N, C-alpha and C. Protein backbone atom coordinates (compact mmCIF):
# COMPACT_ATOMS: atom_id res chain seq x y z
N MET A 1 100.87 102.81 111.85
CA MET A 1 99.48 102.92 112.28
C MET A 1 99.46 103.06 113.80
N ASN A 2 98.78 104.08 114.30
CA ASN A 2 98.68 104.34 115.74
C ASN A 2 97.48 103.60 116.29
N ARG A 3 97.70 102.55 117.08
CA ARG A 3 96.61 101.74 117.64
C ARG A 3 96.45 101.93 119.14
N THR A 4 97.19 102.85 119.74
CA THR A 4 97.04 103.08 121.17
C THR A 4 96.95 104.57 121.44
N ALA A 5 96.31 104.90 122.54
CA ALA A 5 96.27 106.30 122.95
C ALA A 5 97.70 106.71 123.30
N PRO A 6 98.16 107.83 122.80
CA PRO A 6 99.55 108.25 123.05
C PRO A 6 99.79 108.43 124.55
N LEU A 7 100.79 107.72 125.05
CA LEU A 7 101.08 107.77 126.48
C LEU A 7 101.47 109.17 126.94
N GLU A 8 102.13 109.94 126.06
CA GLU A 8 102.51 111.29 126.46
C GLU A 8 101.28 112.18 126.67
N VAL A 9 100.21 111.95 125.91
CA VAL A 9 98.97 112.70 126.10
C VAL A 9 98.31 112.30 127.41
N ILE A 10 98.24 110.98 127.65
CA ILE A 10 97.65 110.49 128.90
C ILE A 10 98.45 110.99 130.10
N SER A 11 99.76 110.91 130.00
CA SER A 11 100.64 111.34 131.08
C SER A 11 100.41 112.81 131.43
N ALA A 12 100.44 113.67 130.43
CA ALA A 12 100.25 115.11 130.66
C ALA A 12 98.84 115.39 131.17
N SER A 13 97.85 114.70 130.63
CA SER A 13 96.47 114.91 131.06
C SER A 13 96.27 114.51 132.51
N LEU A 14 96.82 113.36 132.91
CA LEU A 14 96.69 112.92 134.30
C LEU A 14 97.34 113.90 135.27
N ARG A 15 98.54 114.34 134.94
CA ARG A 15 99.23 115.31 135.82
C ARG A 15 98.43 116.61 135.93
N ARG A 16 97.96 117.10 134.78
CA ARG A 16 97.19 118.35 134.76
C ARG A 16 95.90 118.23 135.58
N GLU A 17 95.15 117.15 135.35
CA GLU A 17 93.86 116.99 136.02
C GLU A 17 94.01 116.67 137.50
N ARG A 18 95.04 115.93 137.87
CA ARG A 18 95.28 115.63 139.29
C ARG A 18 95.62 116.92 140.02
N ALA A 19 96.44 117.78 139.39
CA ALA A 19 96.79 119.07 140.01
C ALA A 19 95.54 119.96 140.11
N ARG A 20 94.69 119.91 139.09
CA ARG A 20 93.48 120.74 139.08
C ARG A 20 92.57 120.43 140.28
N VAL A 21 92.43 119.14 140.62
CA VAL A 21 91.57 118.76 141.74
C VAL A 21 92.31 118.72 143.07
N GLY A 22 93.63 118.91 143.05
CA GLY A 22 94.40 118.98 144.28
C GLY A 22 94.60 117.67 145.00
N LEU A 23 94.71 116.57 144.25
CA LEU A 23 94.94 115.26 144.87
C LEU A 23 96.40 114.85 144.71
N SER A 24 96.92 114.19 145.73
CA SER A 24 98.25 113.62 145.61
C SER A 24 98.16 112.35 144.76
N LEU A 25 99.28 111.87 144.33
CA LEU A 25 99.34 110.62 143.57
C LEU A 25 98.69 109.49 144.38
N SER A 26 99.04 109.41 145.67
CA SER A 26 98.50 108.36 146.54
C SER A 26 96.99 108.48 146.69
N GLU A 27 96.49 109.71 146.87
CA GLU A 27 95.05 109.91 147.06
C GLU A 27 94.26 109.51 145.81
N LEU A 28 94.74 109.94 144.64
CA LEU A 28 94.05 109.60 143.41
C LEU A 28 94.06 108.09 143.18
N ALA A 29 95.20 107.46 143.39
CA ALA A 29 95.31 106.01 143.20
C ALA A 29 94.33 105.28 144.12
N LYS A 30 94.28 105.67 145.37
CA LYS A 30 93.40 105.01 146.34
C LYS A 30 91.93 105.19 145.96
N LYS A 31 91.52 106.42 145.65
CA LYS A 31 90.13 106.70 145.30
C LYS A 31 89.70 105.97 144.03
N ALA A 32 90.64 105.80 143.08
CA ALA A 32 90.31 105.14 141.81
C ALA A 32 90.47 103.62 141.89
N GLY A 33 91.05 103.12 142.99
CA GLY A 33 91.27 101.68 143.10
C GLY A 33 92.36 101.20 142.17
N VAL A 34 93.35 102.05 141.95
CA VAL A 34 94.46 101.76 141.05
C VAL A 34 95.74 101.74 141.88
N ALA A 35 96.64 100.83 141.58
CA ALA A 35 97.90 100.78 142.31
C ALA A 35 98.66 102.10 142.11
N LYS A 36 99.26 102.59 143.20
CA LYS A 36 100.03 103.83 143.12
C LYS A 36 101.15 103.70 142.09
N SER A 37 101.76 102.53 142.02
CA SER A 37 102.85 102.32 141.05
C SER A 37 102.34 102.42 139.62
N THR A 38 101.12 101.93 139.39
CA THR A 38 100.52 102.02 138.05
C THR A 38 100.28 103.48 137.68
N LEU A 39 99.71 104.24 138.60
CA LEU A 39 99.45 105.66 138.34
C LEU A 39 100.77 106.41 138.14
N SER A 40 101.76 106.09 138.94
CA SER A 40 103.07 106.73 138.80
C SER A 40 103.66 106.45 137.41
N GLN A 41 103.55 105.21 136.95
CA GLN A 41 104.04 104.86 135.61
C GLN A 41 103.29 105.64 134.54
N LEU A 42 101.97 105.73 134.67
CA LEU A 42 101.18 106.45 133.68
C LEU A 42 101.56 107.92 133.63
N GLU A 43 101.74 108.52 134.80
CA GLU A 43 102.11 109.94 134.83
C GLU A 43 103.53 110.18 134.32
N SER A 44 104.37 109.15 134.35
CA SER A 44 105.73 109.31 133.83
C SER A 44 105.81 108.92 132.35
N GLY A 45 104.69 108.52 131.77
CA GLY A 45 104.66 108.23 130.34
C GLY A 45 105.00 106.80 129.99
N SER A 46 104.89 105.89 130.95
CA SER A 46 105.12 104.47 130.65
C SER A 46 103.89 103.69 131.09
N GLY A 47 103.93 102.40 130.87
CA GLY A 47 102.77 101.57 131.22
C GLY A 47 101.87 101.34 130.02
N ASN A 48 100.82 100.59 130.26
CA ASN A 48 99.88 100.25 129.20
C ASN A 48 98.48 100.29 129.80
N PRO A 49 97.88 101.48 129.87
CA PRO A 49 96.60 101.61 130.59
C PRO A 49 95.44 100.92 129.88
N SER A 50 94.59 100.28 130.65
CA SER A 50 93.38 99.69 130.09
C SER A 50 92.26 100.73 130.16
N VAL A 51 91.19 100.47 129.44
CA VAL A 51 90.04 101.36 129.48
C VAL A 51 89.47 101.42 130.89
N GLU A 52 89.50 100.30 131.62
CA GLU A 52 88.98 100.27 132.98
C GLU A 52 89.79 101.19 133.91
N THR A 53 91.11 101.15 133.79
CA THR A 53 91.97 102.00 134.61
C THR A 53 91.72 103.47 134.30
N LEU A 54 91.70 103.82 133.02
CA LEU A 54 91.48 105.21 132.63
C LEU A 54 90.09 105.69 133.03
N TRP A 55 89.10 104.80 132.90
CA TRP A 55 87.73 105.17 133.28
C TRP A 55 87.65 105.45 134.79
N ALA A 56 88.30 104.61 135.59
CA ALA A 56 88.29 104.81 137.05
C ALA A 56 88.94 106.14 137.41
N LEU A 57 90.06 106.45 136.76
CA LEU A 57 90.74 107.72 137.03
C LEU A 57 89.89 108.91 136.60
N ALA A 58 89.28 108.82 135.42
CA ALA A 58 88.43 109.91 134.93
C ALA A 58 87.24 110.13 135.86
N THR A 59 86.68 109.05 136.39
CA THR A 59 85.53 109.17 137.30
C THR A 59 85.93 109.93 138.56
N VAL A 60 87.04 109.57 139.15
CA VAL A 60 87.50 110.26 140.36
C VAL A 60 87.85 111.72 140.06
N LEU A 61 88.42 111.96 138.88
CA LEU A 61 88.79 113.33 138.49
C LEU A 61 87.59 114.14 138.02
N ASP A 62 86.42 113.47 137.89
CA ASP A 62 85.17 114.10 137.46
C ASP A 62 85.31 114.77 136.09
N ILE A 63 85.87 113.99 135.16
CA ILE A 63 86.03 114.45 133.77
C ILE A 63 85.61 113.33 132.84
N PRO A 64 85.25 113.66 131.59
CA PRO A 64 84.98 112.60 130.64
C PRO A 64 86.29 111.88 130.29
N LEU A 65 86.20 110.60 130.00
CA LEU A 65 87.37 109.80 129.63
C LEU A 65 88.14 110.46 128.49
N SER A 66 87.43 111.07 127.55
CA SER A 66 88.08 111.68 126.39
C SER A 66 89.10 112.74 126.79
N LYS A 67 88.91 113.38 127.93
CA LYS A 67 89.84 114.43 128.35
C LYS A 67 91.21 113.86 128.70
N LEU A 68 91.28 112.55 128.97
CA LEU A 68 92.58 111.93 129.27
C LEU A 68 93.31 111.47 128.01
N VAL A 69 92.58 111.17 126.95
CA VAL A 69 93.23 110.57 125.78
C VAL A 69 93.17 111.43 124.52
N ASP A 70 92.44 112.55 124.56
CA ASP A 70 92.26 113.37 123.38
C ASP A 70 93.41 114.34 123.23
N PRO A 71 94.27 114.16 122.23
CA PRO A 71 95.38 115.09 122.05
C PRO A 71 94.88 116.41 121.48
N PRO A 72 95.65 117.48 121.66
CA PRO A 72 95.28 118.75 121.03
C PRO A 72 95.16 118.54 119.52
N THR A 73 94.17 119.18 118.91
CA THR A 73 93.94 118.98 117.49
C THR A 73 93.98 120.29 116.72
N ALA A 74 94.28 120.18 115.47
CA ALA A 74 94.22 121.32 114.56
C ALA A 74 92.76 121.55 114.19
N ARG A 75 92.47 122.65 113.52
CA ARG A 75 91.08 122.92 113.12
C ARG A 75 90.60 121.92 112.09
N VAL A 76 91.49 121.37 111.29
CA VAL A 76 91.11 120.31 110.36
C VAL A 76 91.87 119.07 110.80
N LEU A 77 91.15 117.98 111.02
CA LEU A 77 91.75 116.75 111.53
C LEU A 77 91.25 115.58 110.71
N VAL A 78 92.17 114.72 110.28
CA VAL A 78 91.82 113.49 109.60
C VAL A 78 92.32 112.34 110.45
N ILE A 79 91.45 111.37 110.72
CA ILE A 79 91.86 110.15 111.39
C ILE A 79 91.57 109.02 110.40
N ARG A 80 92.59 108.38 109.91
CA ARG A 80 92.44 107.29 108.95
C ARG A 80 91.92 106.04 109.67
N ALA A 81 91.23 105.20 108.90
CA ALA A 81 90.72 103.94 109.45
C ALA A 81 91.88 103.19 110.09
N GLY A 82 91.67 102.69 111.30
CA GLY A 82 92.70 101.95 112.01
C GLY A 82 93.67 102.83 112.77
N GLU A 83 93.47 104.14 112.75
CA GLU A 83 94.33 105.05 113.49
C GLU A 83 93.50 105.77 114.55
N GLY A 84 94.16 106.51 115.41
CA GLY A 84 93.46 107.26 116.44
C GLY A 84 93.80 106.72 117.81
N PRO A 85 93.53 107.51 118.85
CA PRO A 85 93.84 107.07 120.21
C PRO A 85 92.90 105.95 120.65
N ALA A 86 93.42 104.75 120.70
CA ALA A 86 92.62 103.57 121.05
C ALA A 86 92.98 103.07 122.44
N ILE A 87 91.96 102.65 123.17
CA ILE A 87 92.17 102.03 124.47
C ILE A 87 91.42 100.71 124.48
N TYR A 88 91.98 99.74 125.19
CA TYR A 88 91.48 98.36 125.12
C TYR A 88 90.94 97.92 126.47
N SER A 89 89.98 97.02 126.44
CA SER A 89 89.41 96.46 127.65
C SER A 89 90.25 95.29 128.14
N GLU A 90 90.32 95.13 129.45
CA GLU A 90 90.97 93.96 130.04
C GLU A 90 90.00 92.79 130.11
N ARG A 91 88.70 93.07 130.01
CA ARG A 91 87.67 92.07 130.29
C ARG A 91 86.91 91.59 129.06
N ALA A 92 87.10 92.23 127.92
CA ALA A 92 86.33 91.85 126.73
C ALA A 92 87.12 92.19 125.48
N HIS A 93 86.70 91.64 124.35
CA HIS A 93 87.29 92.00 123.06
C HIS A 93 86.64 93.30 122.63
N TYR A 94 87.12 94.40 123.17
CA TYR A 94 86.51 95.71 123.00
C TYR A 94 87.61 96.74 122.89
N THR A 95 87.52 97.58 121.88
CA THR A 95 88.45 98.68 121.70
C THR A 95 87.63 99.94 121.47
N ALA A 96 87.94 100.99 122.19
CA ALA A 96 87.29 102.28 121.98
C ALA A 96 88.31 103.23 121.38
N THR A 97 87.99 103.77 120.20
CA THR A 97 88.86 104.75 119.55
C THR A 97 88.14 106.09 119.56
N LEU A 98 88.71 107.04 120.26
CA LEU A 98 88.10 108.36 120.35
C LEU A 98 88.26 109.08 119.02
N LEU A 99 87.15 109.52 118.45
CA LEU A 99 87.20 110.31 117.23
C LEU A 99 87.03 111.79 117.54
N ALA A 100 86.10 112.13 118.43
CA ALA A 100 85.90 113.53 118.79
C ALA A 100 85.18 113.62 120.12
N SER A 101 85.65 114.51 120.97
CA SER A 101 84.95 114.76 122.22
C SER A 101 84.08 116.00 122.04
N CYS A 102 83.00 116.06 122.77
CA CYS A 102 82.04 117.16 122.64
C CYS A 102 82.40 118.29 123.59
N PRO A 103 82.61 119.50 123.06
CA PRO A 103 82.89 120.61 123.96
C PRO A 103 81.65 120.98 124.77
N PRO A 104 81.84 121.56 125.94
CA PRO A 104 80.70 121.94 126.77
C PRO A 104 79.76 122.89 126.02
N GLY A 105 78.48 122.68 126.17
CA GLY A 105 77.49 123.57 125.59
C GLY A 105 77.22 123.36 124.11
N ALA A 106 77.84 122.37 123.51
CA ALA A 106 77.65 122.14 122.07
C ALA A 106 76.35 121.38 121.82
N ARG A 107 75.77 121.60 120.65
CA ARG A 107 74.61 120.83 120.19
C ARG A 107 75.05 120.10 118.94
N ARG A 108 74.52 118.91 118.73
CA ARG A 108 74.92 118.13 117.57
C ARG A 108 73.71 117.58 116.83
N ASP A 109 73.81 117.57 115.50
CA ASP A 109 72.83 116.92 114.63
C ASP A 109 73.58 115.86 113.84
N LEU A 110 72.97 114.70 113.67
CA LEU A 110 73.61 113.57 113.00
C LEU A 110 72.88 113.27 111.70
N TYR A 111 73.62 113.09 110.61
CA TYR A 111 73.05 112.83 109.29
C TYR A 111 73.75 111.67 108.62
N GLN A 112 73.01 110.93 107.80
CA GLN A 112 73.63 110.01 106.86
C GLN A 112 73.61 110.73 105.52
N VAL A 113 74.76 110.75 104.85
CA VAL A 113 74.83 111.40 103.54
C VAL A 113 75.17 110.35 102.49
N ALA A 114 74.43 110.37 101.39
CA ALA A 114 74.67 109.45 100.27
C ALA A 114 75.02 110.30 99.06
N LEU A 115 76.12 109.97 98.41
CA LEU A 115 76.59 110.78 97.29
C LEU A 115 76.96 109.90 96.11
N GLU A 116 76.82 110.45 94.94
CA GLU A 116 77.24 109.79 93.70
C GLU A 116 78.22 110.73 92.99
N PRO A 117 79.13 110.17 92.18
CA PRO A 117 80.09 111.02 91.46
C PRO A 117 79.37 112.07 90.61
N GLY A 118 80.04 113.15 90.40
CA GLY A 118 79.49 114.28 89.66
C GLY A 118 79.70 115.53 90.47
N ALA A 119 78.81 116.49 90.29
CA ALA A 119 78.92 117.73 91.03
C ALA A 119 78.84 117.46 92.53
N GLY A 120 79.74 118.05 93.28
CA GLY A 120 79.74 117.88 94.73
C GLY A 120 78.84 118.87 95.41
N ARG A 121 78.66 118.70 96.69
CA ARG A 121 77.87 119.62 97.51
C ARG A 121 78.80 120.72 97.95
N GLU A 122 78.55 121.92 97.47
CA GLU A 122 79.35 123.09 97.85
C GLU A 122 78.53 123.87 98.88
N SER A 123 79.02 123.95 100.10
CA SER A 123 78.28 124.58 101.19
C SER A 123 78.86 125.93 101.55
N GLN A 124 77.98 126.87 101.76
CA GLN A 124 78.38 128.19 102.27
C GLN A 124 78.64 128.05 103.77
N PRO A 125 79.36 128.98 104.36
CA PRO A 125 79.63 128.90 105.80
C PRO A 125 78.34 128.87 106.62
N HIS A 126 78.33 128.02 107.63
CA HIS A 126 77.25 127.98 108.60
C HIS A 126 77.58 129.00 109.69
N ARG A 127 76.76 129.07 110.72
CA ARG A 127 76.99 130.07 111.76
C ARG A 127 78.35 129.88 112.43
N THR A 128 78.90 130.94 112.96
CA THR A 128 80.22 130.94 113.59
C THR A 128 80.29 129.87 114.67
N GLY A 129 81.39 129.13 114.66
CA GLY A 129 81.60 128.08 115.66
C GLY A 129 81.13 126.71 115.25
N THR A 130 80.48 126.58 114.07
CA THR A 130 80.02 125.28 113.60
C THR A 130 81.22 124.43 113.21
N VAL A 131 81.18 123.16 113.61
CA VAL A 131 82.21 122.18 113.26
C VAL A 131 81.51 120.98 112.65
N GLU A 132 82.06 120.45 111.55
CA GLU A 132 81.49 119.26 110.93
C GLU A 132 82.43 118.08 111.13
N HIS A 133 81.82 116.91 111.34
CA HIS A 133 82.55 115.65 111.52
C HIS A 133 82.00 114.69 110.47
N LEU A 134 82.86 113.92 109.83
CA LEU A 134 82.43 113.00 108.78
C LEU A 134 83.19 111.69 108.89
N VAL A 135 82.45 110.56 108.88
CA VAL A 135 83.05 109.23 108.85
C VAL A 135 82.53 108.55 107.59
N VAL A 136 83.43 108.01 106.77
CA VAL A 136 83.04 107.36 105.52
C VAL A 136 82.68 105.91 105.79
N GLY A 137 81.48 105.53 105.35
CA GLY A 137 81.00 104.15 105.52
C GLY A 137 81.23 103.30 104.29
N SER A 138 81.11 103.90 103.11
CA SER A 138 81.39 103.16 101.86
C SER A 138 81.83 104.15 100.81
N GLY A 139 82.60 103.65 99.85
CA GLY A 139 83.09 104.49 98.76
C GLY A 139 84.26 105.36 99.17
N ARG A 140 84.42 106.44 98.42
CA ARG A 140 85.49 107.42 98.68
C ARG A 140 84.90 108.80 98.50
N LEU A 141 85.34 109.73 99.34
CA LEU A 141 84.85 111.10 99.30
C LEU A 141 86.01 112.08 99.26
N LEU A 142 85.73 113.26 98.70
CA LEU A 142 86.62 114.41 98.79
C LEU A 142 85.84 115.43 99.59
N ALA A 143 86.32 115.78 100.79
CA ALA A 143 85.53 116.63 101.68
C ALA A 143 86.42 117.53 102.51
N GLY A 144 85.80 118.58 103.06
CA GLY A 144 86.50 119.50 103.94
C GLY A 144 86.40 120.92 103.46
N PRO A 145 87.26 121.80 103.99
CA PRO A 145 87.24 123.20 103.57
C PRO A 145 87.45 123.30 102.06
N ALA A 146 86.74 124.24 101.43
CA ALA A 146 86.82 124.39 99.97
C ALA A 146 88.25 124.64 99.50
N ASP A 147 89.06 125.28 100.34
CA ASP A 147 90.43 125.58 99.93
C ASP A 147 91.43 124.47 100.28
N GLY A 148 90.95 123.34 100.77
CA GLY A 148 91.85 122.23 101.11
C GLY A 148 91.13 120.96 101.43
N PRO A 149 90.25 120.46 100.53
CA PRO A 149 89.54 119.22 100.83
C PRO A 149 90.51 118.03 100.90
N VAL A 150 90.06 116.98 101.58
CA VAL A 150 90.89 115.80 101.83
C VAL A 150 90.18 114.58 101.24
N GLU A 151 90.95 113.69 100.60
CA GLU A 151 90.38 112.44 100.09
C GLU A 151 90.28 111.44 101.23
N LEU A 152 89.11 110.82 101.34
CA LEU A 152 88.82 109.89 102.43
C LEU A 152 88.34 108.56 101.90
N GLY A 153 88.70 107.47 102.59
CA GLY A 153 88.23 106.14 102.26
C GLY A 153 87.39 105.57 103.39
N VAL A 154 86.94 104.35 103.21
CA VAL A 154 86.08 103.69 104.19
C VAL A 154 86.74 103.68 105.57
N GLY A 155 85.97 104.14 106.56
CA GLY A 155 86.44 104.18 107.94
C GLY A 155 87.20 105.42 108.33
N ASP A 156 87.59 106.26 107.35
CA ASP A 156 88.32 107.48 107.68
C ASP A 156 87.39 108.49 108.34
N TYR A 157 87.96 109.28 109.24
CA TYR A 157 87.24 110.34 109.95
C TYR A 157 87.88 111.68 109.63
N LEU A 158 87.05 112.69 109.45
CA LEU A 158 87.51 114.04 109.17
C LEU A 158 86.69 115.01 110.00
N THR A 159 87.34 116.00 110.58
CA THR A 159 86.63 117.11 111.19
C THR A 159 87.20 118.40 110.63
N TYR A 160 86.34 119.40 110.45
CA TYR A 160 86.77 120.66 109.86
C TYR A 160 85.78 121.76 110.23
N PRO A 161 86.20 123.02 110.12
CA PRO A 161 85.30 124.12 110.45
C PRO A 161 84.15 124.18 109.44
N GLY A 162 82.93 124.25 109.95
CA GLY A 162 81.76 124.39 109.08
C GLY A 162 81.40 125.85 108.88
N ASP A 163 82.16 126.76 109.51
CA ASP A 163 81.87 128.18 109.36
C ASP A 163 82.74 128.84 108.30
N VAL A 164 83.28 128.00 107.39
CA VAL A 164 83.99 128.47 106.19
C VAL A 164 83.39 127.72 105.01
N PRO A 165 83.57 128.21 103.76
CA PRO A 165 83.06 127.45 102.61
C PRO A 165 83.66 126.04 102.63
N HIS A 166 82.82 125.01 102.37
CA HIS A 166 83.29 123.64 102.41
C HIS A 166 82.57 122.80 101.36
N THR A 167 83.13 121.61 101.10
CA THR A 167 82.64 120.77 100.02
C THR A 167 82.57 119.31 100.44
N CYS A 168 81.76 118.55 99.72
CA CYS A 168 81.71 117.09 99.88
C CYS A 168 81.33 116.51 98.52
N ARG A 169 82.21 115.65 97.98
CA ARG A 169 82.00 115.10 96.64
C ARG A 169 82.36 113.62 96.63
N ALA A 170 81.53 112.81 95.97
CA ALA A 170 81.79 111.38 95.84
C ALA A 170 82.86 111.14 94.78
N LEU A 171 83.79 110.25 95.08
CA LEU A 171 84.81 109.84 94.12
C LEU A 171 84.52 108.45 93.56
N GLU A 172 83.54 107.77 94.17
CA GLU A 172 83.11 106.44 93.73
C GLU A 172 81.60 106.35 93.84
N PRO A 173 80.96 105.55 92.98
CA PRO A 173 79.50 105.34 93.11
C PRO A 173 79.17 104.70 94.47
N GLY A 174 78.01 105.03 94.99
CA GLY A 174 77.54 104.43 96.23
C GLY A 174 78.27 104.89 97.47
N SER A 175 78.83 106.09 97.44
CA SER A 175 79.54 106.60 98.60
C SER A 175 78.55 107.07 99.67
N VAL A 176 78.81 106.66 100.90
CA VAL A 176 77.94 107.00 102.02
C VAL A 176 78.80 107.40 103.21
N GLY A 177 78.33 108.39 103.94
CA GLY A 177 79.03 108.82 105.14
C GLY A 177 78.06 109.18 106.23
N ILE A 178 78.58 109.27 107.43
CA ILE A 178 77.82 109.77 108.57
C ILE A 178 78.41 111.13 108.90
N MET A 179 77.55 112.16 108.89
CA MET A 179 77.99 113.52 109.16
C MET A 179 77.35 114.01 110.45
N LEU A 180 78.17 114.57 111.30
CA LEU A 180 77.70 115.15 112.53
C LEU A 180 78.00 116.64 112.48
N MET A 181 76.98 117.45 112.67
CA MET A 181 77.13 118.91 112.70
C MET A 181 77.10 119.33 114.16
N GLU A 182 78.13 120.06 114.56
CA GLU A 182 78.25 120.50 115.94
C GLU A 182 78.11 122.03 115.97
N TYR A 183 77.18 122.50 116.79
CA TYR A 183 76.92 123.93 116.91
C TYR A 183 77.25 124.38 118.32
N LEU A 184 78.03 125.43 118.44
CA LEU A 184 78.36 125.97 119.77
C LEU A 184 77.38 127.04 120.15
């Protein structure tokens, strides 16, 4: 089970974004209020960054925090309950697990979906560039592209292209999910 943001993703993201803004290691560390040695460790793929450290770095780099911890993804992505890039607070019992970052210019609609076993919802493709996100709150679902749906349990997250035929079917009574439709 992956309970931490992959250090190799954070490391590559920090190096890439620091080069993009043209800051030296020392300059970024100073502006973010982070020890240079800590930043050096993070960029070399070691250390254990807190959400506060990553947030300070993202603020100075003028990027959303998700850009530091979000690994490249396939068009269909499943994040099982208890998995995903997680970052922890130094000051509270708080863990943030990134499920999906919003691309620039996207619009999103949020829905609660309630399903019962039987015939599933078979959806035709939506407009080009549509992406659907689904988190299961109760029960079990079979969802995703019509040619490769995925079985999901409570807490699982799935994202898939909504511009291809897709399905959503309950495998247990009382299945409920939260669906987010993203339009570019």
